[in-house]
All heavy atoms as atom14 arrays in JSON, in Angstrom:
{
  "sequence": "EPTFFGVFTVWRFDVMFGAIAVLLAGFYLAGVRSVKRQGKPWKRSYT",
  "atom14_mask": [
    [1, 1, 1, 1, 1, 1, 1, 1, 1, 0, 0, 0, 0, 0],
    [1, 1, 1, 1, 1, 1, 1, 0, 0, 0, 0, 0, 0, 0],
    [1, 1, 1, 1, 1, 1, 1, 0, 0, 0, 0, 0, 0, 0],
    [1, 1, 1, 1, 1, 1, 1, 1, 1, 1, 1, 0, 0, 0],
    [1, 1, 1, 1, 1, 1, 1, 1, 1, 1, 1, 0, 0, 0],
    [1, 1, 1, 1, 0, 0, 0, 0, 0, 0, 0, 0, 0, 0],
    [1, 1, 1, 1, 1, 1, 1, 0, 0, 0, 0, 0, 0, 0],
    [1, 1, 1, 1, 1, 1, 1, 1, 1, 1, 1, 0, 0, 0],
    [1, 1, 1, 1, 1, 1, 1, 0, 0, 0, 0, 0, 0, 0],
    [1, 1, 1, 1, 1, 1, 1, 0, 0, 0, 0, 0, 0, 0],
    [1, 1, 1, 1, 1, 1, 1, 1, 1, 1, 1, 1, 1, 1],
    [1, 1, 1, 1, 1, 1, 1, 1, 1, 1, 1, 0, 0, 0],
    [1, 1, 1, 1, 1, 1, 1, 1, 1, 1, 1, 0, 0, 0],
    [1, 1, 1, 1, 1, 1, 1, 1, 0, 0, 0, 0, 0, 0],
    [1, 1, 1, 1, 1, 1, 1, 0, 0, 0, 0, 0, 0, 0],
    [1, 1, 1, 1, 1, 1, 1, 1, 0, 0, 0, 0, 0, 0],
    [1, 1, 1, 1, 1, 1, 1, 1, 1, 1, 1, 0, 0, 0],
    [1, 1, 1, 1, 0, 0, 0, 0, 0, 0, 0, 0, 0, 0],
    [1, 1, 1, 1, 1, 0, 0, 0, 0, 0, 0, 0, 0, 0],
    [1, 1, 1, 1, 1, 1, 1, 1, 0, 0, 0, 0, 0, 0],
    [1, 1, 1, 1, 1, 0, 0, 0, 0, 0, 0, 0, 0, 0],
    [1, 1, 1, 1, 1, 1, 1, 0, 0, 0, 0, 0, 0, 0],
    [1, 1, 1, 1, 1, 1, 1, 1, 0, 0, 0, 0, 0, 0],
    [1, 1, 1, 1, 1, 1, 1, 1, 0, 0, 0, 0, 0, 0],
    [1, 1, 1, 1, 1, 0, 0, 0, 0, 0, 0, 0, 0, 0],
    [1, 1, 1, 1, 0, 0, 0, 0, 0, 0, 0, 0, 0, 0],
    [1, 1, 1, 1, 1, 1, 1, 1, 1, 1, 1, 0, 0, 0],
    [1, 1, 1, 1, 1, 1, 1, 1, 1, 1, 1, 1, 0, 0],
    [1, 1, 1, 1, 1, 1, 1, 1, 0, 0, 0, 0, 0, 0],
    [1, 1, 1, 1, 1, 0, 0, 0, 0, 0, 0, 0, 0, 0],
    [1, 1, 1, 1, 0, 0, 0, 0, 0, 0, 0, 0, 0, 0],
    [1, 1, 1, 1, 1, 1, 1, 0, 0, 0, 0, 0, 0, 0],
    [1, 1, 1, 1, 1, 1, 1, 1, 1, 1, 1, 0, 0, 0],
    [1, 1, 1, 1, 1, 1, 0, 0, 0, 0, 0, 0, 0, 0],
    [1, 1, 1, 1, 1, 1, 1, 0, 0, 0, 0, 0, 0, 0],
    [1, 1, 1, 1, 1, 1, 1, 1, 1, 0, 0, 0, 0, 0],
    [1, 1, 1, 1, 1, 1, 1, 1, 1, 1, 1, 0, 0, 0],
    [1, 1, 1, 1, 1, 1, 1, 1, 1, 0, 0, 0, 0, 0],
    [1, 1, 1, 1, 0, 0, 0, 0, 0, 0, 0, 0, 0, 0],
    [1, 1, 1, 1, 1, 1, 1, 1, 1, 0, 0, 0, 0, 0],
    [1, 1, 1, 1, 1, 1, 1, 0, 0, 0, 0, 0, 0, 0],
    [1, 1, 1, 1, 1, 1, 1, 1, 1, 1, 1, 1, 1, 1],
    [1, 1, 1, 1, 1, 1, 1, 1, 1, 0, 0, 0, 0, 0],
    [1, 1, 1, 1, 1, 1, 1, 1, 1, 1, 1, 0, 0, 0],
    [1, 1, 1, 1, 1, 1, 0, 0, 0, 0, 0, 0, 0, 0],
    [1, 1, 1, 1, 1, 1, 1, 1, 1, 1, 1, 1, 0, 0],
    [1, 1, 1, 1, 1, 1, 1, 0, 0, 0, 0, 0, 0, 0]
  ],
  "atom14_positions": [
    [[0.84, -1.19, 0.0], [0.0, 0.0, 0.0], [0.88, 1.25, 0.0], [1.88, 1.31, 0.73], [-0.91, 0.0, 1.22], [-1.89, 1.16, 1.26], [-2.84, 1.06, 2.45], [-2.67, 0.14, 3.27], [-3.74, 1.93, 2.54], [0.0, 0.0, 0.0], [0.0, 0.0, 0.0], [0.0, 0.0, 0.0], [0.0, 0.0, 0.0], [0.0, 0.0, 0.0]],
    [[0.55, 2.26, -0.79], [1.39, 3.45, -0.85], [1.33, 4.25, 0.45], [0.28, 4.4, 1.06], [0.8, 4.25, -2.02], [-0.62, 3.8, -2.1], [-0.61, 2.35, -1.69], [0.0, 0.0, 0.0], [0.0, 0.0, 0.0], [0.0, 0.0, 0.0], [0.0, 0.0, 0.0], [0.0, 0.0, 0.0], [0.0, 0.0, 0.0], [0.0, 0.0, 0.0]],
    [[2.49, 4.73, 0.88], [2.59, 5.62, 2.04], [3.38, 6.86, 1.64], [3.99, 6.9, 0.56], [3.29, 4.92, 3.21], [4.63, 4.56, 2.81], [2.53, 3.67, 3.63], [0.0, 0.0, 0.0], [0.0, 0.0, 0.0], [0.0, 0.0, 0.0], [0.0, 0.0, 0.0], [0.0, 0.0, 0.0], [0.0, 0.0, 0.0], [0.0, 0.0, 0.0]],
    [[3.37, 7.86, 2.5], [4.01, 9.13, 2.17], [5.5, 8.93, 1.87], [6.02, 9.49, 0.9], [3.84, 10.11, 3.34], [4.44, 11.46, 3.07], [3.76, 12.4, 2.3], [5.7, 11.79, 3.56], [4.33, 13.65, 2.04], [6.27, 13.03, 3.31], [5.58, 13.96, 2.55], [0.0, 0.0, 0.0], [0.0, 0.0, 0.0], [0.0, 0.0, 0.0]],
    [[6.19, 8.18, 2.72], [7.61, 7.96, 2.5], [7.87, 6.75, 1.61], [8.89, 6.68, 0.92], [8.33, 7.78, 3.84], [8.32, 9.01, 4.7], [7.47, 9.1, 5.79], [9.15, 10.08, 4.42], [7.45, 10.23, 6.58], [9.14, 11.21, 5.2], [8.29, 11.29, 6.29], [0.0, 0.0, 0.0], [0.0, 0.0, 0.0], [0.0, 0.0, 0.0]],
    [[6.94, 5.8, 1.6], [7.17, 4.58, 0.83], [7.21, 4.8, -0.66], [7.89, 4.07, -1.39], [0.0, 0.0, 0.0], [0.0, 0.0, 0.0], [0.0, 0.0, 0.0], [0.0, 0.0, 0.0], [0.0, 0.0, 0.0], [0.0, 0.0, 0.0], [0.0, 0.0, 0.0], [0.0, 0.0, 0.0], [0.0, 0.0, 0.0], [0.0, 0.0, 0.0]],
    [[6.5, 5.84, -1.16], [6.49, 6.05, -2.61], [7.85, 6.49, -3.13], [8.11, 6.39, -4.33], [5.42, 7.1, -2.99], [4.03, 6.58, -2.69], [5.68, 8.43, -2.3], [0.0, 0.0, 0.0], [0.0, 0.0, 0.0], [0.0, 0.0, 0.0], [0.0, 0.0, 0.0], [0.0, 0.0, 0.0], [0.0, 0.0, 0.0], [0.0, 0.0, 0.0]],
    [[8.72, 6.95, -2.25], [10.05, 7.37, -2.69], [11.09, 6.26, -2.54], [12.28, 6.5, -2.78], [10.5, 8.6, -1.9], [9.62, 9.8, -2.12], [8.72, 10.2, -1.13], [9.66, 10.5, -3.31], [7.89, 11.29, -1.33], [8.83, 11.61, -3.51], [7.95, 12.0, -2.52], [0.0, 0.0, 0.0], [0.0, 0.0, 0.0], [0.0, 0.0, 0.0]],
    [[10.67, 5.09, -2.15], [11.59, 3.95, -2.02], [11.47, 2.97, -3.18], [12.26, 2.03, -3.26], [11.34, 3.21, -0.7], [10.0, 2.69, -0.69], [11.52, 4.13, 0.5], [0.0, 0.0, 0.0], [0.0, 0.0, 0.0], [0.0, 0.0, 0.0], [0.0, 0.0, 0.0], [0.0, 0.0, 0.0], [0.0, 0.0, 0.0], [0.0, 0.0, 0.0]],
    [[10.49, 3.16, -4.05], [10.33, 2.29, -5.22], [10.48, 3.14, -6.47], [9.95, 4.25, -6.56], [8.96, 1.57, -5.21], [8.93, 0.52, -4.13], [7.81, 2.55, -5.02], [0.0, 0.0, 0.0], [0.0, 0.0, 0.0], [0.0, 0.0, 0.0], [0.0, 0.0, 0.0], [0.0, 0.0, 0.0], [0.0, 0.0, 0.0], [0.0, 0.0, 0.0]],
    [[11.2, 2.62, -7.44], [11.5, 3.38, -8.65], [11.34, 2.49, -9.88], [11.67, 1.31, -9.86], [12.93, 3.95, -8.61], [13.1, 4.99, -7.55], [13.37, 4.77, -6.23], [12.97, 6.4, -7.72], [13.44, 5.97, -5.56], [13.19, 6.99, -6.45], [12.71, 7.23, -8.8], [13.15, 8.36, -6.25], [12.67, 8.59, -8.61], [12.89, 9.14, -7.35]],
    [[10.82, 3.07, -10.94], [10.71, 2.41, -12.24], [10.82, 3.52, -13.29], [9.88, 4.29, -13.48], [9.38, 1.67, -12.36], [9.18, 0.9, -13.66], [7.8, 0.23, -13.67], [7.51, -0.46, -14.91], [7.8, -1.73, -15.14], [8.4, -2.45, -14.2], [7.49, -2.29, -16.3], [0.0, 0.0, 0.0], [0.0, 0.0, 0.0], [0.0, 0.0, 0.0]],
    [[11.98, 3.6, -13.94], [12.26, 4.72, -14.84], [11.21, 4.79, -15.93], [10.93, 3.8, -16.62], [13.65, 4.57, -15.45], [14.05, 5.73, -16.32], [14.46, 6.93, -15.75], [14.03, 5.63, -17.7], [14.84, 8.0, -16.54], [14.41, 6.69, -18.51], [14.81, 7.88, -17.93], [0.0, 0.0, 0.0], [0.0, 0.0, 0.0], [0.0, 0.0, 0.0]],
    [[10.6, 5.97, -16.07], [9.6, 6.18, -17.11], [10.31, 6.49, -18.42], [10.97, 7.52, -18.56], [8.68, 7.34, -16.72], [7.46, 7.46, -17.62], [7.64, 7.72, -18.82], [6.34, 7.29, -17.12], [0.0, 0.0, 0.0], [0.0, 0.0, 0.0], [0.0, 0.0, 0.0], [0.0, 0.0, 0.0], [0.0, 0.0, 0.0], [0.0, 0.0, 0.0]],
    [[10.15, 5.58, -19.4], [10.87, 5.71, -20.66], [10.43, 6.94, -21.44], [11.21, 7.49, -22.23], [10.68, 4.43, -21.51], [11.38, 4.55, -22.85], [11.21, 3.22, -20.75], [0.0, 0.0, 0.0], [0.0, 0.0, 0.0], [0.0, 0.0, 0.0], [0.0, 0.0, 0.0], [0.0, 0.0, 0.0], [0.0, 0.0, 0.0], [0.0, 0.0, 0.0]],
    [[9.21, 7.41, -21.2], [8.73, 8.6, -21.91], [9.12, 9.86, -21.15], [9.99, 10.63, -21.57], [7.22, 8.54, -22.1], [6.61, 9.77, -22.75], [7.18, 10.09, -24.43], [6.44, 8.68, -25.27], [0.0, 0.0, 0.0], [0.0, 0.0, 0.0], [0.0, 0.0, 0.0], [0.0, 0.0, 0.0], [0.0, 0.0, 0.0], [0.0, 0.0, 0.0]],
    [[8.5, 10.12, -20.01], [8.68, 11.39, -19.32], [9.99, 11.46, -18.54], [10.56, 12.54, -18.39], [7.49, 11.65, -18.39], [6.19, 11.78, -19.12], [5.28, 10.73, -19.15], [5.88, 12.93, -19.81], [4.09, 10.84, -19.84], [4.69, 13.05, -20.51], [3.8, 12.0, -20.53], [0.0, 0.0, 0.0], [0.0, 0.0, 0.0], [0.0, 0.0, 0.0]],
    [[10.46, 10.33, -18.03], [11.76, 10.34, -17.37], [12.87, 10.68, -18.35], [13.77, 11.48, -18.05], [0.0, 0.0, 0.0], [0.0, 0.0, 0.0], [0.0, 0.0, 0.0], [0.0, 0.0, 0.0], [0.0, 0.0, 0.0], [0.0, 0.0, 0.0], [0.0, 0.0, 0.0], [0.0, 0.0, 0.0], [0.0, 0.0, 0.0], [0.0, 0.0, 0.0]],
    [[12.8, 10.07, -19.55], [13.81, 10.38, -20.56], [13.72, 11.84, -21.0], [14.74, 12.51, -21.21], [13.63, 9.45, -21.76], [0.0, 0.0, 0.0], [0.0, 0.0, 0.0], [0.0, 0.0, 0.0], [0.0, 0.0, 0.0], [0.0, 0.0, 0.0], [0.0, 0.0, 0.0], [0.0, 0.0, 0.0], [0.0, 0.0, 0.0], [0.0, 0.0, 0.0]],
    [[12.5, 12.35, -21.15], [12.34, 13.75, -21.55], [12.92, 14.68, -20.49], [13.55, 15.69, -20.8], [10.85, 14.05, -21.8], [10.39, 13.37, -23.09], [10.59, 15.55, -21.87], [8.91, 13.5, -23.36], [0.0, 0.0, 0.0], [0.0, 0.0, 0.0], [0.0, 0.0, 0.0], [0.0, 0.0, 0.0], [0.0, 0.0, 0.0], [0.0, 0.0, 0.0]],
    [[12.71, 14.35, -19.21], [13.27, 15.18, -18.14], [14.79, 15.24, -18.21], [15.39, 16.31, -18.08], [12.81, 14.64, -16.78], [0.0, 0.0, 0.0], [0.0, 0.0, 0.0], [0.0, 0.0, 0.0], [0.0, 0.0, 0.0], [0.0, 0.0, 0.0], [0.0, 0.0, 0.0], [0.0, 0.0, 0.0], [0.0, 0.0, 0.0], [0.0, 0.0, 0.0]],
    [[15.42, 14.09, -18.43], [16.88, 14.05, -18.52], [17.36, 14.83, -19.74], [18.33, 15.6, -19.67], [17.36, 12.59, -18.57], [18.86, 12.53, -18.83], [17.03, 11.87, -17.27], [0.0, 0.0, 0.0], [0.0, 0.0, 0.0], [0.0, 0.0, 0.0], [0.0, 0.0, 0.0], [0.0, 0.0, 0.0], [0.0, 0.0, 0.0], [0.0, 0.0, 0.0]],
    [[16.69, 14.66, -20.88], [17.09, 15.35, -22.1], [16.92, 16.86, -21.97], [17.79, 17.64, -22.4], [16.28, 14.83, -23.29], [16.58, 13.4, -23.73], [15.59, 12.96, -24.79], [18.01, 13.27, -24.24], [0.0, 0.0, 0.0], [0.0, 0.0, 0.0], [0.0, 0.0, 0.0], [0.0, 0.0, 0.0], [0.0, 0.0, 0.0], [0.0, 0.0, 0.0]],
    [[15.81, 17.3, -21.39], [15.59, 18.73, -21.23], [16.65, 19.36, -20.33], [17.13, 20.48, -20.59], [14.19, 18.99, -20.66], [13.02, 18.72, -21.6], [11.7, 18.97, -20.87], [13.1, 19.6, -22.83], [0.0, 0.0, 0.0], [0.0, 0.0, 0.0], [0.0, 0.0, 0.0], [0.0, 0.0, 0.0], [0.0, 0.0, 0.0], [0.0, 0.0, 0.0]],
    [[17.01, 18.66, -19.27], [18.06, 19.18, -18.39], [19.39, 19.27, -19.14], [20.12, 20.26, -19.03], [18.19, 18.3, -17.16], [0.0, 0.0, 0.0], [0.0, 0.0, 0.0], [0.0, 0.0, 0.0], [0.0, 0.0, 0.0], [0.0, 0.0, 0.0], [0.0, 0.0, 0.0], [0.0, 0.0, 0.0], [0.0, 0.0, 0.0], [0.0, 0.0, 0.0]],
    [[19.72, 18.22, -19.91], [20.98, 18.22, -20.65], [21.04, 19.32, -21.7], [22.05, 20.03, -21.83], [0.0, 0.0, 0.0], [0.0, 0.0, 0.0], [0.0, 0.0, 0.0], [0.0, 0.0, 0.0], [0.0, 0.0, 0.0], [0.0, 0.0, 0.0], [0.0, 0.0, 0.0], [0.0, 0.0, 0.0], [0.0, 0.0, 0.0], [0.0, 0.0, 0.0]],
    [[19.96, 19.49, -22.47], [19.94, 20.54, -23.5], [20.03, 21.92, -22.87], [20.71, 22.82, -23.4], [18.67, 20.43, -24.34], [18.63, 19.22, -25.24], [17.44, 18.59, -25.54], [19.8, 18.72, -25.78], [17.4, 17.48, -26.36], [19.79, 17.6, -26.6], [18.58, 16.99, -26.9], [0.0, 0.0, 0.0], [0.0, 0.0, 0.0], [0.0, 0.0, 0.0]],
    [[19.36, 22.12, -21.75], [19.38, 23.43, -21.09], [20.79, 23.75, -20.6], [21.29, 24.88, -20.8], [18.4, 23.43, -19.93], [18.11, 24.8, -19.35], [17.01, 25.54, -19.77], [18.93, 25.36, -18.38], [16.74, 26.79, -19.24], [18.68, 26.61, -17.85], [17.58, 27.32, -18.28], [17.32, 28.56, -17.75], [0.0, 0.0, 0.0], [0.0, 0.0, 0.0]],
    [[21.44, 22.79, -19.96], [22.8, 23.02, -19.45], [23.76, 23.28, -20.61], [24.69, 24.11, -20.48], [23.26, 21.82, -18.63], [22.56, 21.65, -17.28], [23.04, 20.37, -16.6], [22.8, 22.85, -16.37], [0.0, 0.0, 0.0], [0.0, 0.0, 0.0], [0.0, 0.0, 0.0], [0.0, 0.0, 0.0], [0.0, 0.0, 0.0], [0.0, 0.0, 0.0]],
    [[23.56, 22.59, -21.73], [24.4, 22.86, -22.9], [24.18, 24.29, -23.39], [25.14, 24.97, -23.79], [24.09, 21.85, -24.01], [0.0, 0.0, 0.0], [0.0, 0.0, 0.0], [0.0, 0.0, 0.0], [0.0, 0.0, 0.0], [0.0, 0.0, 0.0], [0.0, 0.0, 0.0], [0.0, 0.0, 0.0], [0.0, 0.0, 0.0], [0.0, 0.0, 0.0]],
    [[22.94, 24.76, -23.37], [22.67, 26.13, -23.76], [23.3, 27.14, -22.83], [23.87, 28.15, -23.27], [0.0, 0.0, 0.0], [0.0, 0.0, 0.0], [0.0, 0.0, 0.0], [0.0, 0.0, 0.0], [0.0, 0.0, 0.0], [0.0, 0.0, 0.0], [0.0, 0.0, 0.0], [0.0, 0.0, 0.0], [0.0, 0.0, 0.0], [0.0, 0.0, 0.0]],
    [[23.22, 26.9, -21.52], [23.84, 27.8, -20.55], [25.35, 27.84, -20.75], [25.98, 28.92, -20.68], [23.48, 27.36, -19.12], [24.26, 28.17, -18.09], [21.99, 27.5, -18.87], [0.0, 0.0, 0.0], [0.0, 0.0, 0.0], [0.0, 0.0, 0.0], [0.0, 0.0, 0.0], [0.0, 0.0, 0.0], [0.0, 0.0, 0.0], [0.0, 0.0, 0.0]],
    [[25.92, 26.68, -21.02], [27.37, 26.63, -21.27], [27.75, 27.46, -22.49], [28.75, 28.19, -22.48], [27.8, 25.19, -21.45], [29.3, 25.0, -21.63], [29.64, 23.53, -21.82], [31.08, 23.34, -21.98], [31.65, 22.17, -22.26], [30.88, 21.09, -22.39], [32.95, 22.07, -22.38], [0.0, 0.0, 0.0], [0.0, 0.0, 0.0], [0.0, 0.0, 0.0]],
    [[26.93, 27.37, -23.53], [27.19, 28.17, -24.73], [27.08, 29.66, -24.44], [27.88, 30.47, -24.93], [26.21, 27.78, -25.84], [26.39, 28.56, -26.98], [0.0, 0.0, 0.0], [0.0, 0.0, 0.0], [0.0, 0.0, 0.0], [0.0, 0.0, 0.0], [0.0, 0.0, 0.0], [0.0, 0.0, 0.0], [0.0, 0.0, 0.0], [0.0, 0.0, 0.0]],
    [[26.1, 30.04, -23.63], [25.95, 31.46, -23.26], [27.18, 31.95, -22.51], [27.69, 33.05, -22.77], [24.67, 31.65, -22.42], [24.63, 33.05, -21.81], [23.43, 31.42, -23.27], [0.0, 0.0, 0.0], [0.0, 0.0, 0.0], [0.0, 0.0, 0.0], [0.0, 0.0, 0.0], [0.0, 0.0, 0.0], [0.0, 0.0, 0.0], [0.0, 0.0, 0.0]],
    [[27.66, 31.16, -21.58], [28.84, 31.55, -20.8], [30.07, 31.7, -21.71], [30.89, 32.61, -21.53], [29.11, 30.53, -19.71], [28.01, 30.42, -18.67], [27.81, 31.71, -17.9], [26.75, 31.55, -16.82], [26.51, 32.82, -16.09], [0.0, 0.0, 0.0], [0.0, 0.0, 0.0], [0.0, 0.0, 0.0], [0.0, 0.0, 0.0], [0.0, 0.0, 0.0]],
    [[30.19, 30.77, -22.66], [31.33, 30.86, -23.58], [31.29, 32.14, -24.41], [32.34, 32.69, -24.77], [31.35, 29.65, -24.51], [31.83, 28.36, -23.83], [31.84, 27.22, -24.85], [32.43, 26.01, -24.28], [32.54, 24.86, -24.94], [32.09, 24.78, -26.2], [33.09, 23.81, -24.37], [0.0, 0.0, 0.0], [0.0, 0.0, 0.0], [0.0, 0.0, 0.0]],
    [[30.11, 32.59, -24.75], [29.96, 33.8, -25.54], [30.11, 35.06, -24.69], [30.09, 36.18, -25.24], [28.6, 33.81, -26.24], [28.4, 32.69, -27.24], [27.01, 32.7, -27.83], [26.52, 33.74, -28.3], [26.34, 31.57, -27.83], [0.0, 0.0, 0.0], [0.0, 0.0, 0.0], [0.0, 0.0, 0.0], [0.0, 0.0, 0.0], [0.0, 0.0, 0.0]],
    [[30.24, 34.9, -23.38], [30.4, 36.05, -22.51], [29.12, 36.81, -22.25], [29.17, 37.97, -21.82], [0.0, 0.0, 0.0], [0.0, 0.0, 0.0], [0.0, 0.0, 0.0], [0.0, 0.0, 0.0], [0.0, 0.0, 0.0], [0.0, 0.0, 0.0], [0.0, 0.0, 0.0], [0.0, 0.0, 0.0], [0.0, 0.0, 0.0], [0.0, 0.0, 0.0]],
    [[27.99, 36.18, -22.49], [26.7, 36.84, -22.26], [26.22, 36.55, -20.84], [26.49, 35.5, -20.29], [25.67, 36.35, -23.28], [26.03, 36.65, -24.72], [24.99, 36.08, -25.67], [25.35, 36.35, -27.12], [24.35, 35.76, -28.07], [0.0, 0.0, 0.0], [0.0, 0.0, 0.0], [0.0, 0.0, 0.0], [0.0, 0.0, 0.0], [0.0, 0.0, 0.0]],
    [[25.47, 37.46, -20.25], [24.98, 37.23, -18.87], [23.81, 36.24, -18.87], [23.02, 36.17, -19.81], [24.54, 38.62, -18.43], [24.16, 39.32, -19.71], [25.09, 38.79, -20.76], [0.0, 0.0, 0.0], [0.0, 0.0, 0.0], [0.0, 0.0, 0.0], [0.0, 0.0, 0.0], [0.0, 0.0, 0.0], [0.0, 0.0, 0.0], [0.0, 0.0, 0.0]],
    [[23.7, 35.5, -17.8], [22.58, 34.58, -17.61], [22.33, 34.4, -16.12], [23.27, 34.15, -15.35], [22.84, 33.22, -18.26], [21.65, 32.32, -18.21], [21.47, 31.22, -17.43], [20.44, 32.48, -18.95], [20.23, 30.67, -17.64], [19.58, 31.42, -18.58], [20.0, 33.41, -19.89], [18.3, 31.29, -19.11], [18.74, 33.26, -20.43], [17.91, 32.21, -20.04]],
    [[21.09, 34.54, -15.7], [20.76, 34.44, -14.28], [20.87, 32.99, -13.81], [20.31, 32.09, -14.43], [19.34, 34.96, -14.03], [19.17, 36.45, -14.23], [17.76, 36.88, -13.86], [17.58, 38.38, -14.02], [16.21, 38.81, -13.65], [0.0, 0.0, 0.0], [0.0, 0.0, 0.0], [0.0, 0.0, 0.0], [0.0, 0.0, 0.0], [0.0, 0.0, 0.0]],
    [[21.56, 32.82, -12.71], [21.68, 31.47, -12.15], [20.34, 30.95, -11.66], [20.08, 29.75, -11.69], [22.7, 31.48, -11.01], [22.95, 30.12, -10.39], [24.03, 30.18, -9.32], [25.29, 30.61, -9.89], [26.41, 30.79, -9.18], [26.38, 30.59, -7.86], [27.52, 31.18, -9.76], [0.0, 0.0, 0.0], [0.0, 0.0, 0.0], [0.0, 0.0, 0.0]],
    [[19.49, 31.85, -11.22], [18.18, 31.43, -10.73], [17.36, 30.76, -11.82], [16.62, 29.8, -11.56], [17.4, 32.63, -10.17], [17.21, 33.62, -11.17], [0.0, 0.0, 0.0], [0.0, 0.0, 0.0], [0.0, 0.0, 0.0], [0.0, 0.0, 0.0], [0.0, 0.0, 0.0], [0.0, 0.0, 0.0], [0.0, 0.0, 0.0], [0.0, 0.0, 0.0]],
    [[17.51, 31.22, -13.07], [16.8, 30.57, -14.18], [17.23, 29.1, -14.3], [16.4, 28.21, -14.47], [17.1, 31.29, -15.5], [16.44, 32.64, -15.65], [16.79, 33.5, -16.69], [15.47, 33.08, -14.75], [16.2, 34.74, -16.85], [14.87, 34.32, -14.9], [15.24, 35.15, -15.94], [14.64, 36.37, -16.08], [0.0, 0.0, 0.0], [0.0, 0.0, 0.0]],
    [[18.53, 28.87, -14.22], [19.04, 27.51, -14.34], [18.54, 26.64, -13.2], [18.13, 25.49, -13.41], [20.57, 27.52, -14.35], [21.04, 28.38, -15.4], [21.12, 26.12, -14.56], [0.0, 0.0, 0.0], [0.0, 0.0, 0.0], [0.0, 0.0, 0.0], [0.0, 0.0, 0.0], [0.0, 0.0, 0.0], [0.0, 0.0, 0.0], [0.0, 0.0, 0.0]]
  ]
}
């Protein structure tokens, strides 16, 4: 039976949304890296 803490002890990677979450994070960090290389400002809070 699901409990408040028990739901965080079982994991099953979601091939659709879990993969999208990882890809979005990777693409965003690559974009921030490109901005830094160009010497443009970027708010850390956005990241």
